[in-house]
């Protein structure tokens, strides 16, 4: 727990906000109770680096702190998700220790590729090569969109439609309409069916 002695009102508010955000993250994205204090400290240090940008003429400090902390948490979640994605592309250790004299086990193991093992155990829906191709196609589709669309799409993935709609002052229906427009970029690359779905 971070000591709040001698902190300004805005810093105390930031600490409380950060603690609430971290409490909601525990148990998700590989974050455990042991990570709690480290994450609070990391987010508070990042907050201190940016708090000088606060301009009282542009809004209330609580709004500034809420947006600042939320953006830091979103960045943290994205980094954690990237780590999980990278882990899925690493080589798997042998499933078990094998008896070198057991010729049938050696033959069975040589027939089962790493991709087949991942798919058979439910760890992957496609081979590593297909997943890499898919990731490249998705990146190409996303990069072809206007920057505002990309930002909203990324936020919807990280925060959900309801939270993004509230943050932008738009209805969920409007966010879904924008997502439908974004879909055309994926359809052009053959990443989504050209018909069907709900408008």
Protein backbone atom coordinates (compact mmCIF):
# COMPACT_ATOMS: atom_id res chain seq x y z
CA UNK A 1 0.00 0.00 0.00
CA UNK A 2 1.38 3.42 -0.92
CA UNK A 3 1.70 5.91 1.94
CA UNK A 4 -0.45 8.98 1.43
CA UNK A 5 1.23 11.23 4.02
CA UNK A 6 2.14 14.62 2.58
CA UNK A 7 0.49 14.01 -0.80
CA UNK A 8 -1.61 16.69 -2.48
CA UNK A 9 -5.35 16.19 -2.88
CA UNK A 10 -4.94 15.27 -6.56
CA UNK A 11 -2.22 12.71 -5.74
CA UNK A 12 -4.37 11.13 -3.02
CA UNK A 13 -7.25 10.89 -5.47
CA UNK A 14 -4.92 9.28 -8.03
CA UNK A 15 -3.74 6.68 -5.47
CA UNK A 16 -7.33 5.74 -4.61
CA UNK A 17 -8.21 5.51 -8.30
CA UNK A 18 -5.16 3.35 -9.06
CA UNK A 19 -5.87 1.04 -6.12
CA UNK A 20 -9.45 0.51 -7.34
CA UNK A 21 -8.27 -0.19 -10.90
CA UNK A 22 -5.62 -2.67 -9.73
CA UNK A 23 -8.10 -4.40 -7.42
CA UNK A 24 -10.31 -5.03 -10.49
CA UNK A 25 -7.33 -6.46 -12.42
CA UNK A 26 -6.32 -9.07 -9.84
CA UNK A 27 -7.18 -12.50 -11.16
CA UNK A 28 -7.22 -11.36 -14.78
CA UNK A 29 -4.50 -11.15 -17.46
CA UNK A 30 -2.16 -13.21 -15.27
CA UNK A 31 -2.13 -10.61 -12.48
CA UNK A 32 -2.06 -12.05 -8.95
CA UNK A 33 -2.36 -10.58 -5.45
CA UNK A 34 1.45 -10.68 -5.26
CA UNK A 35 1.60 -8.23 -8.20
CA UNK A 36 -0.81 -5.76 -6.56
CA UNK A 37 1.65 -3.47 -4.73
CA UNK A 38 4.12 -3.47 -7.64
CA UNK A 39 1.38 -2.49 -10.09
CA UNK A 40 0.11 0.30 -7.82
CA UNK A 41 3.64 1.67 -7.54
CA UNK A 42 4.26 1.34 -11.30
CA UNK A 43 1.00 3.10 -12.21
CA UNK A 44 1.58 5.84 -9.62
CA UNK A 45 5.07 6.51 -10.97
CA UNK A 46 3.69 6.72 -14.52
CA UNK A 47 0.99 9.05 -13.20
CA UNK A 48 3.66 11.30 -11.58
CA UNK A 49 5.48 11.54 -14.91
CA UNK A 50 2.35 12.89 -16.61
CA UNK A 51 0.54 14.87 -13.91
CA UNK A 52 2.40 18.08 -14.88
CA UNK A 53 0.28 18.11 -18.08
CA UNK A 54 -2.86 18.92 -16.03
CA UNK A 55 -4.42 22.22 -17.11
CA UNK A 56 -7.17 23.45 -14.74
CA UNK A 57 -8.63 25.59 -17.54
CA UNK A 58 -9.40 22.49 -19.62
CA UNK A 59 -11.29 20.54 -16.96
CA UNK A 60 -11.49 19.16 -13.46
CA UNK A 61 -8.55 17.28 -12.01
CA UNK A 62 -10.70 14.24 -11.24
CA UNK A 63 -11.56 13.88 -14.94
CA UNK A 64 -7.90 14.30 -15.86
CA UNK A 65 -6.78 11.68 -13.32
CA UNK A 66 -9.54 9.23 -14.34
CA UNK A 67 -8.54 9.44 -18.01
CA UNK A 68 -4.82 9.25 -17.23
CA UNK A 69 -5.14 6.19 -15.00
CA UNK A 70 -7.61 4.48 -17.35
CA UNK A 71 -5.23 4.95 -20.30
CA UNK A 72 -2.33 3.55 -18.26
CA UNK A 73 -4.40 0.51 -17.28
CA UNK A 74 -5.46 -0.05 -20.90
CA UNK A 75 -1.78 0.08 -21.95
CA UNK A 76 -0.93 -2.40 -19.21
CA UNK A 77 -3.69 -4.78 -20.33
CA UNK A 78 -2.56 -4.56 -23.96
CA UNK A 79 1.02 -5.36 -22.93
CA UNK A 80 -0.18 -8.37 -20.90
CA UNK A 81 -2.28 -9.61 -23.85
CA UNK A 82 0.74 -9.26 -26.16
CA UNK A 83 2.81 -11.33 -23.72
CA UNK A 84 0.15 -14.08 -23.76
CA UNK A 85 0.05 -14.02 -27.58
CA UNK A 86 3.84 -14.32 -27.79
CA UNK A 87 3.81 -17.22 -25.35
CA UNK A 88 1.44 -19.18 -27.58
CA UNK A 89 3.97 -19.04 -30.42
CA UNK A 90 6.87 -20.41 -28.31
CA UNK A 91 8.00 -24.01 -28.63
CA UNK A 92 6.32 -26.47 -26.30
CA UNK A 93 8.37 -28.66 -23.97
CA UNK A 94 8.02 -32.41 -24.43
CA UNK A 95 4.64 -33.62 -23.16
CA UNK A 96 6.27 -36.21 -20.93
CA UNK A 97 9.53 -38.01 -20.33
CA UNK A 98 9.74 -40.91 -22.75
CA UNK A 99 11.43 -44.23 -22.47
CA UNK A 100 14.05 -44.24 -25.27
CA UNK A 101 13.57 -48.02 -25.64
CA UNK A 102 9.84 -47.65 -26.37
CA UNK A 103 9.87 -47.50 -30.19
CA UNK A 104 6.09 -47.03 -30.51
CA UNK A 105 6.12 -43.93 -28.29
CA UNK A 106 8.98 -42.42 -30.32
CA UNK A 107 7.12 -43.15 -33.59
CA UNK A 108 3.87 -41.68 -32.21
CA UNK A 109 5.67 -38.54 -31.04
CA UNK A 110 7.41 -37.99 -34.37
CA UNK A 111 4.05 -38.23 -36.17
CA UNK A 112 2.45 -35.56 -33.96
CA UNK A 113 3.75 -32.11 -34.87
CA UNK A 114 3.74 -29.23 -32.41
CA UNK A 115 0.82 -27.61 -34.28
CA UNK A 116 -1.16 -30.86 -34.23
CA UNK A 117 -0.47 -31.21 -30.50
CA UNK A 118 -1.72 -27.65 -29.81
CA UNK A 119 -4.87 -28.21 -31.85
CA UNK A 120 -5.53 -31.64 -30.32
CA UNK A 121 -5.24 -30.25 -26.79
CA UNK A 122 -7.40 -27.20 -27.55
CA UNK A 123 -4.54 -24.71 -27.12
CA UNK A 124 -4.90 -23.47 -30.71
CA UNK A 125 -7.58 -23.45 -33.35
CA UNK A 126 -5.10 -23.18 -36.23
CA UNK A 127 -1.46 -23.91 -36.96
CA UNK A 128 1.20 -21.37 -35.96
CA UNK A 129 1.76 -20.46 -39.65
CA UNK A 130 -1.98 -19.85 -40.19
CA UNK A 131 -2.20 -17.79 -36.99
CA UNK A 132 0.78 -15.69 -38.09
CA UNK A 133 -0.76 -15.13 -41.55
CA UNK A 134 -4.06 -14.20 -39.90
CA UNK A 135 -2.34 -11.75 -37.55
CA UNK A 136 -0.56 -10.08 -40.49
CA UNK A 137 -3.84 -9.80 -42.44
CA UNK A 138 -5.65 -8.34 -39.42
CA UNK A 139 -2.83 -5.80 -38.90
CA UNK A 140 -3.02 -4.84 -42.58
CA UNK A 141 -6.80 -4.35 -42.35
CA UNK A 142 -6.53 -2.31 -39.15
CA UNK A 143 -3.75 -0.12 -40.60
CA UNK A 144 -5.91 0.67 -43.64
CA UNK A 145 -8.57 2.29 -41.42
CA UNK A 146 -8.68 5.97 -40.41
CA UNK A 147 -6.83 6.62 -37.10
CA UNK A 148 -10.08 7.41 -35.22
CA UNK A 149 -11.55 4.05 -36.21
CA UNK A 150 -8.38 2.22 -35.16
CA UNK A 151 -8.43 3.89 -31.76
CA UNK A 152 -12.10 3.06 -31.19
CA UNK A 153 -11.57 -0.53 -32.37
CA UNK A 154 -8.63 -1.00 -29.99
CA UNK A 155 -10.59 0.50 -27.12
CA UNK A 156 -13.61 -1.74 -27.81
CA UNK A 157 -11.32 -4.79 -27.61
CA UNK A 158 -9.77 -3.61 -24.34
CA UNK A 159 -12.77 -1.98 -22.61
CA UNK A 160 -15.95 -3.21 -24.28
CA UNK A 161 -18.66 -1.41 -26.23
CA UNK A 162 -20.52 -0.03 -23.18
CA UNK A 163 -17.45 1.60 -21.60
CA UNK A 164 -16.25 3.08 -24.90
CA UNK A 165 -19.73 4.47 -25.62
CA UNK A 166 -19.87 6.10 -22.19
CA UNK A 167 -16.34 7.53 -22.52
CA UNK A 168 -17.09 9.01 -25.95
CA UNK A 169 -20.62 10.15 -25.08
CA UNK A 170 -22.12 7.90 -27.76
CA UNK A 171 -24.78 5.22 -27.60
CA UNK A 172 -23.92 1.54 -27.91
CA UNK A 173 -25.90 1.50 -31.15
CA UNK A 174 -23.63 4.19 -32.61
CA UNK A 175 -20.51 2.24 -31.59
CA UNK A 176 -21.91 -0.91 -33.23
CA UNK A 177 -22.68 1.08 -36.39
CA UNK A 178 -19.07 2.23 -36.51
CA UNK A 179 -17.84 -1.34 -35.97
CA UNK A 180 -20.04 -2.44 -38.88
CA UNK A 181 -18.38 0.18 -41.11
CA UNK A 182 -14.95 -1.04 -39.95
CA UNK A 183 -15.94 -4.56 -40.99
CA UNK A 184 -15.56 -3.63 -44.69
CA UNK A 185 -11.77 -3.38 -44.28
CA UNK A 186 -11.74 -7.00 -43.08
CA UNK A 187 -14.14 -8.18 -45.78
CA UNK A 188 -11.87 -6.71 -48.49
CA UNK A 189 -9.02 -8.93 -47.23
CA UNK A 190 -11.27 -11.99 -47.01
CA UNK A 191 -11.22 -12.02 -43.21
CA UNK A 192 -14.99 -11.90 -42.69
CA UNK A 193 -17.98 -13.21 -44.60
CA UNK A 194 -19.22 -10.64 -47.11
CA UNK A 195 -22.89 -11.15 -46.13
CA UNK A 196 -24.84 -11.96 -43.02
CA UNK A 197 -24.68 -10.53 -39.53
CA UNK A 198 -26.68 -7.73 -37.95
CA UNK A 199 -26.43 -4.15 -39.08
